[in-house]
Amino acid sequence: MSKGFNGRGMGGGMNMMRQQQQMQQKIMKMQQKMKELQDQVEAQDFTASVGGGAVSATVSGKKEVRAIAIKPEAVDPNDVEMLQDLIISAVNEALRQAEEAMDKAVNEASGGLDLGAFGM
């Protein structure tokens, strides 16, 4: 007998279709959960301080800068480069926190599945 034929018709094919439908449903649920978690992260703010709190930056989960706070003592007209470096460091750290939170949400939604194999 040929594969897939068991004397009662193409039962193996029906089972495969059912498995495909179940897999599609699981993928849709995973995508929905991922979207919900991404939305939650995007709604959050992430703040990082550097230079002993002299400069802080706040970014959204969408990686948009929301605020920069600079203490007056951090402003030295003779050392503008230091202030610029502190601002860059604070923004980059806040962005790293946002990225880490998003990665954690995606990993949670996917159950640790490597979505790169699916082009995600």
N, C-alpha and C. Protein backbone atom coordinates (compact mmCIF):
# COMPACT_ATOMS: atom_id res chain seq x y z
N MET A 1 0.84 -1.18 0.00
CA MET A 1 0.00 0.00 0.00
C MET A 1 0.88 1.23 0.00
N SER A 2 0.36 2.28 -0.59
CA SER A 2 1.12 3.53 -0.62
C SER A 2 1.01 4.24 0.71
N LYS A 3 1.96 5.12 0.94
CA LYS A 3 1.95 5.87 2.20
C LYS A 3 0.72 6.76 2.24
N GLY A 4 0.14 6.91 3.42
CA GLY A 4 -1.02 7.77 3.61
C GLY A 4 -2.33 7.06 3.34
N PHE A 5 -2.27 5.89 2.79
CA PHE A 5 -3.50 5.15 2.51
C PHE A 5 -3.55 3.97 3.45
N ASN A 6 -4.59 3.92 4.23
CA ASN A 6 -4.67 2.85 5.23
C ASN A 6 -5.91 1.97 5.02
N GLY A 7 -6.45 2.01 3.85
CA GLY A 7 -7.61 1.18 3.59
C GLY A 7 -8.91 1.87 3.98
N ARG A 8 -8.84 2.93 4.74
CA ARG A 8 -10.03 3.67 5.16
C ARG A 8 -10.03 5.07 4.55
N GLY A 9 -9.25 5.26 3.54
CA GLY A 9 -9.20 6.58 2.92
C GLY A 9 -7.89 7.27 3.26
N MET A 10 -7.89 8.55 3.15
CA MET A 10 -6.68 9.35 3.37
C MET A 10 -6.67 9.91 4.78
N GLY A 11 -6.81 9.04 5.76
CA GLY A 11 -6.85 9.46 7.16
C GLY A 11 -5.60 10.20 7.58
N GLY A 12 -4.45 9.79 7.06
CA GLY A 12 -3.21 10.45 7.41
C GLY A 12 -3.20 11.89 6.96
N GLY A 13 -3.80 12.16 5.80
CA GLY A 13 -3.86 13.53 5.29
C GLY A 13 -4.74 14.41 6.15
N MET A 14 -5.83 13.89 6.63
CA MET A 14 -6.74 14.66 7.49
C MET A 14 -6.05 15.00 8.81
N ASN A 15 -5.31 14.03 9.33
CA ASN A 15 -4.60 14.26 10.58
C ASN A 15 -3.56 15.37 10.40
N MET A 16 -2.89 15.36 9.26
CA MET A 16 -1.88 16.37 8.98
C MET A 16 -2.52 17.76 8.86
N MET A 17 -3.69 17.81 8.23
CA MET A 17 -4.40 19.09 8.11
C MET A 17 -4.81 19.61 9.48
N ARG A 18 -5.27 18.72 10.33
CA ARG A 18 -5.68 19.10 11.68
C ARG A 18 -4.47 19.62 12.46
N GLN A 19 -3.33 18.96 12.31
CA GLN A 19 -2.12 19.40 12.99
C GLN A 19 -1.69 20.78 12.49
N GLN A 20 -1.83 21.00 11.18
CA GLN A 20 -1.48 22.30 10.61
C GLN A 20 -2.38 23.40 11.18
N GLN A 21 -3.67 23.11 11.28
CA GLN A 21 -4.60 24.08 11.83
C GLN A 21 -4.27 24.39 13.29
N GLN A 22 -3.94 23.34 14.05
CA GLN A 22 -3.57 23.55 15.45
C GLN A 22 -2.30 24.39 15.55
N MET A 23 -1.34 24.13 14.69
CA MET A 23 -0.10 24.90 14.69
C MET A 23 -0.38 26.35 14.33
N GLN A 24 -1.24 26.58 13.36
CA GLN A 24 -1.58 27.94 12.97
C GLN A 24 -2.27 28.68 14.13
N GLN A 25 -3.13 27.99 14.84
CA GLN A 25 -3.80 28.59 15.99
C GLN A 25 -2.79 28.95 17.07
N LYS A 26 -1.82 28.07 17.31
CA LYS A 26 -0.78 28.34 18.30
C LYS A 26 0.05 29.55 17.88
N ILE A 27 0.37 29.63 16.61
CA ILE A 27 1.16 30.75 16.10
C ILE A 27 0.37 32.05 16.25
N MET A 28 -0.91 32.02 15.95
CA MET A 28 -1.74 33.21 16.08
C MET A 28 -1.81 33.67 17.54
N LYS A 29 -1.95 32.71 18.46
CA LYS A 29 -1.98 33.05 19.89
C LYS A 29 -0.65 33.65 20.32
N MET A 30 0.45 33.05 19.84
CA MET A 30 1.77 33.55 20.18
C MET A 30 1.96 34.97 19.65
N GLN A 31 1.50 35.22 18.42
CA GLN A 31 1.61 36.55 17.83
C GLN A 31 0.79 37.56 18.62
N GLN A 32 -0.39 37.16 19.04
CA GLN A 32 -1.25 38.05 19.83
C GLN A 32 -0.59 38.38 21.17
N LYS A 33 -0.06 37.36 21.83
CA LYS A 33 0.60 37.58 23.11
C LYS A 33 1.83 38.47 22.91
N MET A 34 2.58 38.22 21.85
CA MET A 34 3.77 39.02 21.57
C MET A 34 3.39 40.48 21.36
N LYS A 35 2.33 40.72 20.62
CA LYS A 35 1.86 42.09 20.36
C LYS A 35 1.47 42.76 21.67
N GLU A 36 0.76 42.05 22.53
CA GLU A 36 0.34 42.61 23.81
C GLU A 36 1.55 42.98 24.67
N LEU A 37 2.52 42.07 24.73
CA LEU A 37 3.71 42.34 25.53
C LEU A 37 4.54 43.48 24.94
N GLN A 38 4.64 43.53 23.62
CA GLN A 38 5.36 44.63 22.98
C GLN A 38 4.67 45.96 23.29
N ASP A 39 3.36 45.98 23.22
CA ASP A 39 2.61 47.20 23.54
C ASP A 39 2.88 47.64 24.98
N GLN A 40 2.95 46.67 25.89
CA GLN A 40 3.22 46.99 27.29
C GLN A 40 4.60 47.61 27.44
N VAL A 41 5.59 47.03 26.78
CA VAL A 41 6.96 47.57 26.86
C VAL A 41 7.01 48.96 26.24
N GLU A 42 6.35 49.13 25.09
CA GLU A 42 6.37 50.42 24.41
C GLU A 42 5.72 51.52 25.26
N ALA A 43 4.82 51.15 26.15
CA ALA A 43 4.14 52.13 27.00
C ALA A 43 4.99 52.51 28.22
N GLN A 44 6.04 51.77 28.47
CA GLN A 44 6.89 52.03 29.63
C GLN A 44 7.94 53.08 29.33
N ASP A 45 8.47 53.68 30.40
CA ASP A 45 9.61 54.58 30.31
C ASP A 45 10.79 53.92 31.01
N PHE A 46 11.99 54.19 30.49
CA PHE A 46 13.22 53.65 31.04
C PHE A 46 14.16 54.81 31.30
N THR A 47 14.67 54.89 32.53
CA THR A 47 15.53 56.00 32.91
C THR A 47 16.87 55.48 33.38
N ALA A 48 17.91 56.15 32.93
CA ALA A 48 19.26 55.82 33.35
C ALA A 48 19.96 57.09 33.79
N SER A 49 20.75 56.97 34.86
CA SER A 49 21.53 58.10 35.37
C SER A 49 23.01 57.75 35.28
N VAL A 50 23.81 58.74 34.99
CA VAL A 50 25.26 58.56 34.93
C VAL A 50 25.93 59.72 35.65
N GLY A 51 27.23 59.58 35.86
CA GLY A 51 27.98 60.64 36.50
C GLY A 51 27.51 60.91 37.91
N GLY A 52 27.18 59.86 38.63
CA GLY A 52 26.69 60.03 40.00
C GLY A 52 25.36 60.75 40.07
N GLY A 53 24.56 60.59 39.02
CA GLY A 53 23.25 61.22 38.98
C GLY A 53 23.26 62.62 38.38
N ALA A 54 24.43 63.03 37.85
CA ALA A 54 24.54 64.37 37.26
C ALA A 54 23.68 64.51 36.02
N VAL A 55 23.55 63.43 35.27
CA VAL A 55 22.76 63.44 34.04
C VAL A 55 21.89 62.20 34.02
N SER A 56 20.62 62.38 33.69
CA SER A 56 19.75 61.23 33.50
C SER A 56 18.96 61.42 32.21
N ALA A 57 18.64 60.28 31.62
CA ALA A 57 17.87 60.28 30.37
C ALA A 57 16.73 59.30 30.53
N THR A 58 15.59 59.68 29.97
CA THR A 58 14.42 58.81 29.97
C THR A 58 14.01 58.58 28.53
N VAL A 59 13.83 57.30 28.19
CA VAL A 59 13.36 56.93 26.86
C VAL A 59 12.12 56.07 27.00
N SER A 60 11.32 56.05 25.96
CA SER A 60 10.14 55.19 25.96
C SER A 60 10.53 53.81 25.44
N GLY A 61 9.62 52.88 25.59
CA GLY A 61 9.82 51.55 25.03
C GLY A 61 9.87 51.57 23.51
N LYS A 62 9.41 52.66 22.93
CA LYS A 62 9.49 52.84 21.48
C LYS A 62 10.83 53.44 21.07
N LYS A 63 11.71 53.59 22.07
CA LYS A 63 13.06 54.11 21.88
C LYS A 63 13.07 55.56 21.43
N GLU A 64 12.18 56.33 22.04
CA GLU A 64 12.13 57.77 21.81
C GLU A 64 12.59 58.45 23.08
N VAL A 65 13.48 59.43 22.95
CA VAL A 65 13.94 60.17 24.12
C VAL A 65 12.79 61.02 24.63
N ARG A 66 12.47 60.87 25.91
CA ARG A 66 11.37 61.62 26.52
C ARG A 66 11.88 62.78 27.36
N ALA A 67 13.02 62.57 28.01
CA ALA A 67 13.52 63.62 28.91
C ALA A 67 15.02 63.47 29.12
N ILE A 68 15.65 64.61 29.32
CA ILE A 68 17.05 64.68 29.72
C ILE A 68 17.08 65.60 30.94
N ALA A 69 17.68 65.15 32.01
CA ALA A 69 17.82 65.97 33.21
C ALA A 69 19.31 66.17 33.49
N ILE A 70 19.70 67.42 33.68
CA ILE A 70 21.11 67.75 33.94
C ILE A 70 21.17 68.60 35.20
N LYS A 71 21.91 68.12 36.18
CA LYS A 71 22.09 68.91 37.41
C LYS A 71 23.02 70.08 37.09
N PRO A 72 22.76 71.22 37.70
CA PRO A 72 23.58 72.40 37.43
C PRO A 72 25.08 72.19 37.62
N GLU A 73 25.44 71.38 38.60
CA GLU A 73 26.86 71.16 38.84
C GLU A 73 27.55 70.37 37.72
N ALA A 74 26.75 69.76 36.86
CA ALA A 74 27.32 69.02 35.72
C ALA A 74 27.68 69.96 34.57
N VAL A 75 27.21 71.19 34.65
CA VAL A 75 27.45 72.15 33.57
C VAL A 75 28.73 72.93 33.87
N ASP A 76 29.77 72.61 33.13
CA ASP A 76 31.04 73.32 33.24
C ASP A 76 31.36 73.87 31.86
N PRO A 77 31.28 75.19 31.69
CA PRO A 77 31.53 75.79 30.37
C PRO A 77 32.91 75.46 29.81
N ASN A 78 33.83 75.08 30.69
CA ASN A 78 35.17 74.74 30.24
C ASN A 78 35.31 73.27 29.87
N ASP A 79 34.27 72.49 30.10
CA ASP A 79 34.33 71.06 29.79
C ASP A 79 33.00 70.58 29.22
N VAL A 80 32.62 71.16 28.11
CA VAL A 80 31.37 70.80 27.44
C VAL A 80 31.41 69.35 26.97
N GLU A 81 32.56 68.88 26.56
CA GLU A 81 32.69 67.50 26.07
C GLU A 81 32.29 66.49 27.13
N MET A 82 32.65 66.77 28.37
CA MET A 82 32.27 65.85 29.47
C MET A 82 30.76 65.76 29.57
N LEU A 83 30.08 66.88 29.52
CA LEU A 83 28.62 66.89 29.58
C LEU A 83 28.02 66.14 28.40
N GLN A 84 28.55 66.36 27.23
CA GLN A 84 28.07 65.65 26.04
C GLN A 84 28.23 64.14 26.20
N ASP A 85 29.38 63.72 26.71
CA ASP A 85 29.62 62.30 26.93
C ASP A 85 28.65 61.71 27.95
N LEU A 86 28.37 62.48 29.01
CA LEU A 86 27.43 62.01 30.02
C LEU A 86 26.02 61.84 29.43
N ILE A 87 25.63 62.79 28.60
CA ILE A 87 24.30 62.71 27.97
C ILE A 87 24.22 61.49 27.07
N ILE A 88 25.23 61.30 26.25
CA ILE A 88 25.26 60.13 25.35
C ILE A 88 25.20 58.84 26.16
N SER A 89 25.99 58.77 27.22
CA SER A 89 26.01 57.55 28.05
C SER A 89 24.66 57.28 28.68
N ALA A 90 24.01 58.32 29.19
CA ALA A 90 22.71 58.15 29.83
C ALA A 90 21.66 57.68 28.82
N VAL A 91 21.65 58.31 27.64
CA VAL A 91 20.68 57.92 26.61
C VAL A 91 20.92 56.49 26.16
N ASN A 92 22.18 56.14 25.92
CA ASN A 92 22.48 54.78 25.46
C ASN A 92 22.10 53.74 26.51
N GLU A 93 22.33 54.03 27.77
CA GLU A 93 21.96 53.08 28.83
C GLU A 93 20.45 52.93 28.93
N ALA A 94 19.72 54.02 28.83
CA ALA A 94 18.25 53.93 28.86
C ALA A 94 17.73 53.15 27.66
N LEU A 95 18.32 53.37 26.49
CA LEU A 95 17.94 52.61 25.29
C LEU A 95 18.25 51.13 25.46
N ARG A 96 19.38 50.83 26.08
CA ARG A 96 19.75 49.43 26.32
C ARG A 96 18.72 48.76 27.23
N GLN A 97 18.25 49.49 28.24
CA GLN A 97 17.23 48.95 29.15
C GLN A 97 15.94 48.68 28.39
N ALA A 98 15.55 49.59 27.52
CA ALA A 98 14.33 49.42 26.73
C ALA A 98 14.46 48.20 25.81
N GLU A 99 15.61 48.08 25.18
CA GLU A 99 15.85 46.94 24.27
C GLU A 99 15.82 45.62 25.04
N GLU A 100 16.43 45.62 26.21
CA GLU A 100 16.45 44.42 27.05
C GLU A 100 15.03 44.03 27.46
N ALA A 101 14.21 45.00 27.81
CA ALA A 101 12.83 44.71 28.19
C ALA A 101 12.04 44.15 27.01
N MET A 102 12.28 44.70 25.83
CA MET A 102 11.58 44.21 24.64
C MET A 102 12.03 42.78 24.31
N ASP A 103 13.33 42.53 24.39
CA ASP A 103 13.83 41.18 24.13
C ASP A 103 13.23 40.18 25.11
N LYS A 104 13.12 40.59 26.37
CA LYS A 104 12.54 39.71 27.39
C LYS A 104 11.07 39.43 27.07
N ALA A 105 10.34 40.45 26.65
CA ALA A 105 8.91 40.27 26.31
C ALA A 105 8.75 39.34 25.13
N VAL A 106 9.57 39.53 24.10
CA VAL A 106 9.48 38.68 22.91
C VAL A 106 9.84 37.25 23.27
N ASN A 107 10.87 37.08 24.09
CA ASN A 107 11.28 35.74 24.50
C ASN A 107 10.18 35.06 25.31
N GLU A 108 9.53 35.83 26.18
CA GLU A 108 8.44 35.29 26.98
C GLU A 108 7.28 34.86 26.08
N ALA A 109 6.94 35.69 25.11
CA ALA A 109 5.82 35.40 24.22
C ALA A 109 6.09 34.20 23.34
N SER A 110 7.35 34.05 22.94
CA SER A 110 7.68 32.97 22.02
C SER A 110 8.07 31.69 22.74
N GLY A 111 8.10 31.75 24.05
CA GLY A 111 8.47 30.56 24.81
C GLY A 111 9.91 30.15 24.57
N GLY A 112 10.77 31.13 24.22
CA GLY A 112 12.18 30.86 23.97
C GLY A 112 12.46 30.36 22.57
N LEU A 113 11.44 30.28 21.73
CA LEU A 113 11.61 29.81 20.36
C LEU A 113 12.40 30.84 19.57
N ASP A 114 13.40 30.39 18.82
CA ASP A 114 14.21 31.30 18.00
C ASP A 114 13.39 31.73 16.80
N LEU A 115 12.87 32.96 16.84
CA LEU A 115 12.01 33.44 15.78
C LEU A 115 12.81 33.88 14.55
N GLY A 116 14.11 33.96 14.67
CA GLY A 116 14.96 34.30 13.52
C GLY A 116 14.81 33.29 12.40
N ALA A 117 14.55 32.06 12.75
CA ALA A 117 14.37 31.01 11.74
C ALA A 117 13.09 31.25 10.92
N PHE A 118 12.18 32.04 11.47
CA PHE A 118 10.93 32.33 10.79
C PHE A 118 10.94 33.72 10.17
N GLY A 119 12.08 34.40 10.23
CA GLY A 119 12.18 35.73 9.66
C GLY A 119 11.55 36.78 10.55
N MET A 120 11.40 36.53 11.86
CA MET A 120 10.78 37.49 12.78
C MET A 120 11.84 38.18 13.60
